[in-house]
Amino acid sequence: MIADIDDGVANANEVVTSLEEKDLPALMREFPGVQYSLQGEQKQSREAYAGLRIGFLVALLSIFTLLAVPLRSYLQAVIIMLVIPFGYVGAVLGHFLTGVQMSFLSATGVMACAGVVVNDSLVLVTFLNRLRAGGMELEAAAVQAGQSRFRAIMLTSLTTFAGLTPIMLERSTQAQFVKPMAVSLAFGVLVATAFTLFLVPAAMVIAEDLRGGARRAAAKLSRPRPTLTGEPTLGA
């Protein structure tokens, strides 16, 4: 069976979801021998998302490698990448606020957002490491890094959001194709930046505390146990 969707009346994803949740299960209960598969655009969409997932994993691995090598720290690379999930949160929130339907291009916007938000975290961690190399305590360096790099990080994110605003406000037919990607990138950067300024310094302090605790525990376990000397005596 082949059917077309009137874009002005309904959304293809909503129609397919309704069919899979209501109509098709009822049809299969009535006719147990019936089987179905979604072809056409739905099949192409599944294949595209499968390729996108692989590409996203490769991109994350590449980002991790590019961070870990110059920083010489796997832990700091992980801390910097902690803000990436908040970019996805911002993308979902942006689609909800703007009323734009999520699509394949929304996912590509999330991937682009991952690369942008990592830059803000990298700026913060690099400055924090510079302060620590100068002899400042970690807690003080975390606070100072957040204060000193607040303007640079916020301006970078706000200018990105402002640059994408014309696309999000455009109502022409041509712009509707790329609008989901613009919404994901703009709101993802905005939300992830807010978490960057608090999450990254706090994660650095917490990681250092855990590492210090692990070192103390290892040192305690490696100490030789005292041995008892002398003959045992019996009490009267």
Protein backbone atom coordinates (compact mmCIF):
# COMPACT_ATOMS: atom_id res chain seq x y z
CA MET A 1 0.00 0.00 0.00
CA ILE A 2 1.33 3.45 -0.94
CA ALA A 3 0.10 6.75 0.51
CA ASP A 4 1.16 10.38 0.44
CA ILE A 5 0.88 12.92 3.25
CA ASP A 6 -0.59 16.36 2.83
CA ASP A 7 2.11 18.44 4.56
CA GLY A 8 -0.30 21.25 5.21
CA VAL A 9 -2.67 19.00 7.17
CA ALA A 10 -0.59 16.30 8.89
CA ASN A 11 2.96 15.26 9.70
CA ALA A 12 4.34 12.01 8.28
CA ASN A 13 6.07 10.98 11.52
CA GLU A 14 2.88 11.51 13.53
CA VAL A 15 0.83 9.47 11.03
CA VAL A 16 3.32 6.59 11.08
CA THR A 17 3.47 6.65 14.88
CA SER A 18 -0.33 6.51 15.08
CA LEU A 19 -0.43 3.59 12.64
CA GLU A 20 2.19 1.61 14.60
CA GLU A 21 0.59 2.27 17.98
CA LYS A 22 -3.11 1.87 17.13
CA ASP A 23 -4.19 0.70 13.69
CA LEU A 24 -1.56 -1.88 12.76
CA PRO A 25 -1.60 -3.76 16.14
CA ALA A 26 -5.40 -3.93 15.93
CA LEU A 27 -5.18 -5.25 12.38
CA MET A 28 -2.68 -7.94 13.38
CA ARG A 29 -4.85 -9.02 16.29
CA GLU A 30 -7.77 -9.42 13.93
CA PHE A 31 -5.69 -11.20 11.27
CA PRO A 32 -2.83 -13.05 13.07
CA GLY A 33 -1.16 -14.16 9.85
CA VAL A 34 -0.70 -10.62 8.52
CA GLN A 35 2.80 -9.06 8.50
CA TYR A 36 3.86 -5.56 7.57
CA SER A 37 6.99 -3.50 6.97
CA LEU A 38 7.45 0.21 6.38
CA GLN A 39 9.25 1.03 3.15
CA GLY A 40 9.93 4.14 1.11
CA GLU A 41 10.88 7.19 3.13
CA GLN A 42 10.58 5.31 6.42
CA LYS A 43 13.12 2.72 5.28
CA GLN A 44 15.47 5.43 4.05
CA SER A 45 15.04 7.26 7.35
CA ARG A 46 15.96 4.14 9.35
CA GLU A 47 19.07 3.61 7.24
CA ALA A 48 20.04 7.28 7.58
CA TYR A 49 19.68 7.20 11.38
CA ALA A 50 21.73 4.01 11.57
CA GLY A 51 24.53 5.68 9.62
CA LEU A 52 24.23 8.80 11.75
CA ARG A 53 24.66 6.82 14.97
CA ILE A 54 27.87 5.29 13.67
CA GLY A 55 29.11 8.68 12.52
CA PHE A 56 28.28 10.22 15.88
CA LEU A 57 30.27 7.54 17.72
CA VAL A 58 33.22 8.12 15.41
CA ALA A 59 32.94 11.87 16.02
CA LEU A 60 32.89 11.40 19.81
CA LEU A 61 35.94 9.14 19.64
CA SER A 62 37.75 11.70 17.50
CA ILE A 63 36.87 14.53 19.90
CA PHE A 64 38.09 12.47 22.85
CA THR A 65 41.39 11.71 21.11
CA LEU A 66 41.96 15.32 20.09
CA LEU A 67 41.35 16.43 23.68
CA ALA A 68 43.26 13.72 25.51
CA VAL A 69 46.48 14.00 23.50
CA PRO A 70 47.30 17.72 24.04
CA LEU A 71 45.88 17.79 27.59
CA ARG A 72 47.73 14.54 28.47
CA SER A 73 44.78 13.52 30.60
CA TYR A 74 42.00 11.06 29.81
CA LEU A 75 40.05 12.31 32.82
CA GLN A 76 40.04 15.94 31.72
CA ALA A 77 38.94 14.89 28.23
CA VAL A 78 35.96 13.07 29.74
CA ILE A 79 35.11 16.07 31.94
CA ILE A 80 35.15 18.38 28.93
CA MET A 81 32.81 16.04 27.06
CA LEU A 82 30.33 15.88 29.95
CA VAL A 83 28.51 18.92 28.52
CA ILE A 84 27.63 17.17 25.24
CA PRO A 85 24.43 15.49 26.57
CA PHE A 86 23.15 18.88 27.71
CA GLY A 87 23.34 20.02 24.10
CA TYR A 88 20.79 17.32 23.29
CA VAL A 89 18.62 18.53 26.18
CA GLY A 90 18.76 22.05 24.77
CA ALA A 91 17.86 20.77 21.29
CA VAL A 92 14.75 19.00 22.59
CA LEU A 93 13.79 22.06 24.63
CA GLY A 94 14.29 24.30 21.58
CA HIS A 95 12.00 22.17 19.42
CA PHE A 96 9.38 22.23 22.15
CA LEU A 97 9.53 26.01 22.52
CA THR A 98 9.54 26.78 18.80
CA GLY A 99 7.03 24.11 17.81
CA VAL A 100 9.38 22.73 15.13
CA GLN A 101 9.02 19.00 14.50
CA MET A 102 12.18 16.99 15.20
CA SER A 103 13.64 15.34 12.11
CA PHE A 104 16.84 13.85 10.74
CA LEU A 105 18.36 17.33 10.41
CA SER A 106 17.65 17.89 14.12
CA ALA A 107 20.07 15.04 14.86
CA THR A 108 22.71 16.57 12.60
CA GLY A 109 22.28 19.83 14.52
CA VAL A 110 22.94 17.97 17.77
CA MET A 111 26.15 16.57 16.29
CA ALA A 112 27.27 20.07 15.27
CA CYS A 113 26.35 21.32 18.74
CA ALA A 114 28.64 18.71 20.32
CA GLY A 115 31.65 20.21 18.60
CA VAL A 116 30.73 23.77 19.56
CA VAL A 117 30.05 23.19 23.27
CA VAL A 118 33.31 21.27 23.66
CA ASN A 119 35.16 24.45 22.66
CA ASP A 120 33.72 26.36 25.62
CA SER A 121 34.67 23.60 28.04
CA LEU A 122 38.16 23.40 26.57
CA VAL A 123 38.68 27.15 27.07
CA LEU A 124 37.64 26.81 30.71
CA VAL A 125 39.78 23.76 31.48
CA THR A 126 42.85 25.18 29.73
CA PHE A 127 42.67 28.38 31.74
CA LEU A 128 42.13 26.40 34.95
CA ASN A 129 45.23 24.29 34.22
CA ARG A 130 47.23 27.47 33.62
CA LEU A 131 46.19 28.84 37.00
CA ARG A 132 47.11 25.59 38.73
CA ALA A 133 50.50 25.57 37.00
CA GLY A 134 51.04 29.01 38.54
CA GLY A 135 50.61 27.56 42.02
CA MET A 136 46.93 28.33 42.71
CA GLU A 137 44.85 25.82 44.66
CA LEU A 138 42.32 23.83 42.65
CA GLU A 139 39.20 25.25 44.32
CA ALA A 140 40.39 28.83 43.89
CA ALA A 141 41.49 28.11 40.31
CA ALA A 142 38.06 26.68 39.45
CA VAL A 143 36.30 29.80 40.75
CA GLN A 144 38.78 32.14 39.05
CA ALA A 145 38.52 30.28 35.73
CA GLY A 146 34.74 30.53 35.75
CA GLN A 147 34.85 34.23 36.49
CA SER A 148 37.61 35.10 34.04
CA ARG A 149 36.23 33.11 31.11
CA PHE A 150 32.54 33.87 31.72
CA ARG A 151 32.43 36.74 29.23
CA ALA A 152 34.29 34.90 26.46
CA ILE A 153 32.18 31.75 26.79
CA MET A 154 28.85 33.57 26.99
CA LEU A 155 29.63 35.88 24.08
CA THR A 156 30.62 32.91 21.92
CA SER A 157 27.34 31.14 22.64
CA LEU A 158 25.15 34.23 22.35
CA THR A 159 26.65 35.23 19.02
CA THR A 160 26.10 31.69 17.72
CA PHE A 161 22.47 31.82 18.85
CA ALA A 162 22.01 35.29 17.32
CA GLY A 163 23.50 34.16 14.01
CA LEU A 164 21.03 31.27 13.79
CA THR A 165 17.99 33.33 14.83
CA PRO A 166 17.16 34.57 11.28
CA ILE A 167 16.93 30.97 10.06
CA MET A 168 14.68 30.00 12.98
CA LEU A 169 12.38 32.97 12.31
CA GLU A 170 12.29 32.50 8.54
CA ARG A 171 8.90 31.31 7.25
CA SER A 172 9.74 30.63 3.63
CA THR A 173 9.39 27.11 2.28
CA GLN A 174 13.10 26.83 1.54
CA ALA A 175 14.04 27.57 5.15
CA GLN A 176 11.79 24.88 6.62
CA PHE A 177 14.26 22.21 5.50
CA VAL A 178 17.16 23.51 7.58
CA LYS A 179 15.18 25.02 10.46
CA PRO A 180 15.32 21.86 12.67
CA MET A 181 19.11 21.84 12.43
CA ALA A 182 19.29 25.55 13.34
CA VAL A 183 17.00 25.03 16.34
CA SER A 184 19.06 22.08 17.63
CA LEU A 185 22.33 23.96 17.27
CA ALA A 186 21.12 27.30 18.67
CA PHE A 187 19.31 26.04 21.76
CA GLY A 188 21.77 23.20 22.32
CA VAL A 189 24.67 25.65 22.52
CA LEU A 190 22.72 27.99 24.78
CA VAL A 191 21.69 25.35 27.32
CA ALA A 192 25.02 23.51 27.29
CA THR A 193 26.90 26.76 27.89
CA ALA A 194 24.90 27.44 31.04
CA PHE A 195 25.87 24.01 32.37
CA THR A 196 29.48 24.39 31.24
CA LEU A 197 30.14 27.30 33.57
CA PHE A 198 29.03 25.28 36.61
CA LEU A 199 29.48 21.62 35.69
CA VAL A 200 33.05 21.64 34.39
CA PRO A 201 34.72 23.44 37.37
CA ALA A 202 32.72 21.35 39.83
CA ALA A 203 33.64 18.13 38.01
CA MET A 204 37.32 19.08 38.10
CA VAL A 205 37.19 19.57 41.87
CA ILE A 206 35.22 16.38 42.45
CA ALA A 207 37.59 14.37 40.25
CA GLU A 208 40.60 15.68 42.15
CA ASP A 209 38.96 14.79 45.48
CA LEU A 210 38.23 11.26 44.27
CA ARG A 211 41.73 10.87 42.93
CA GLY A 212 43.20 12.10 46.22
CA GLY A 213 40.99 9.70 48.15
CA ALA A 214 42.09 6.82 45.94
CA ARG A 215 45.75 7.70 46.49
CA ARG A 216 45.30 7.84 50.26
CA ALA A 217 43.47 4.51 50.26
CA ALA A 218 46.19 2.91 48.13
CA ALA A 219 48.92 4.28 50.41
CA LYS A 220 47.10 2.99 53.47
CA LEU A 221 46.75 -0.48 51.99
CA SER A 222 50.41 -0.59 50.96
CA ARG A 223 51.72 0.12 54.46
CA PRO A 224 53.31 -2.93 56.16
CA ARG A 225 51.28 -4.23 59.07
CA PRO A 226 53.02 -4.10 62.47
CA THR A 227 54.14 -7.49 63.79
CA LEU A 228 53.78 -8.57 67.44
CA THR A 229 56.98 -9.68 69.18
CA GLY A 230 57.55 -11.50 72.42
CA GLU A 231 56.05 -14.59 73.96
CA PRO A 232 52.35 -14.59 74.78
CA THR A 233 51.58 -14.55 78.49
CA LEU A 234 48.70 -16.17 80.32
CA GLY A 235 46.82 -14.21 82.89
CA ALA A 236 46.31 -15.58 86.33
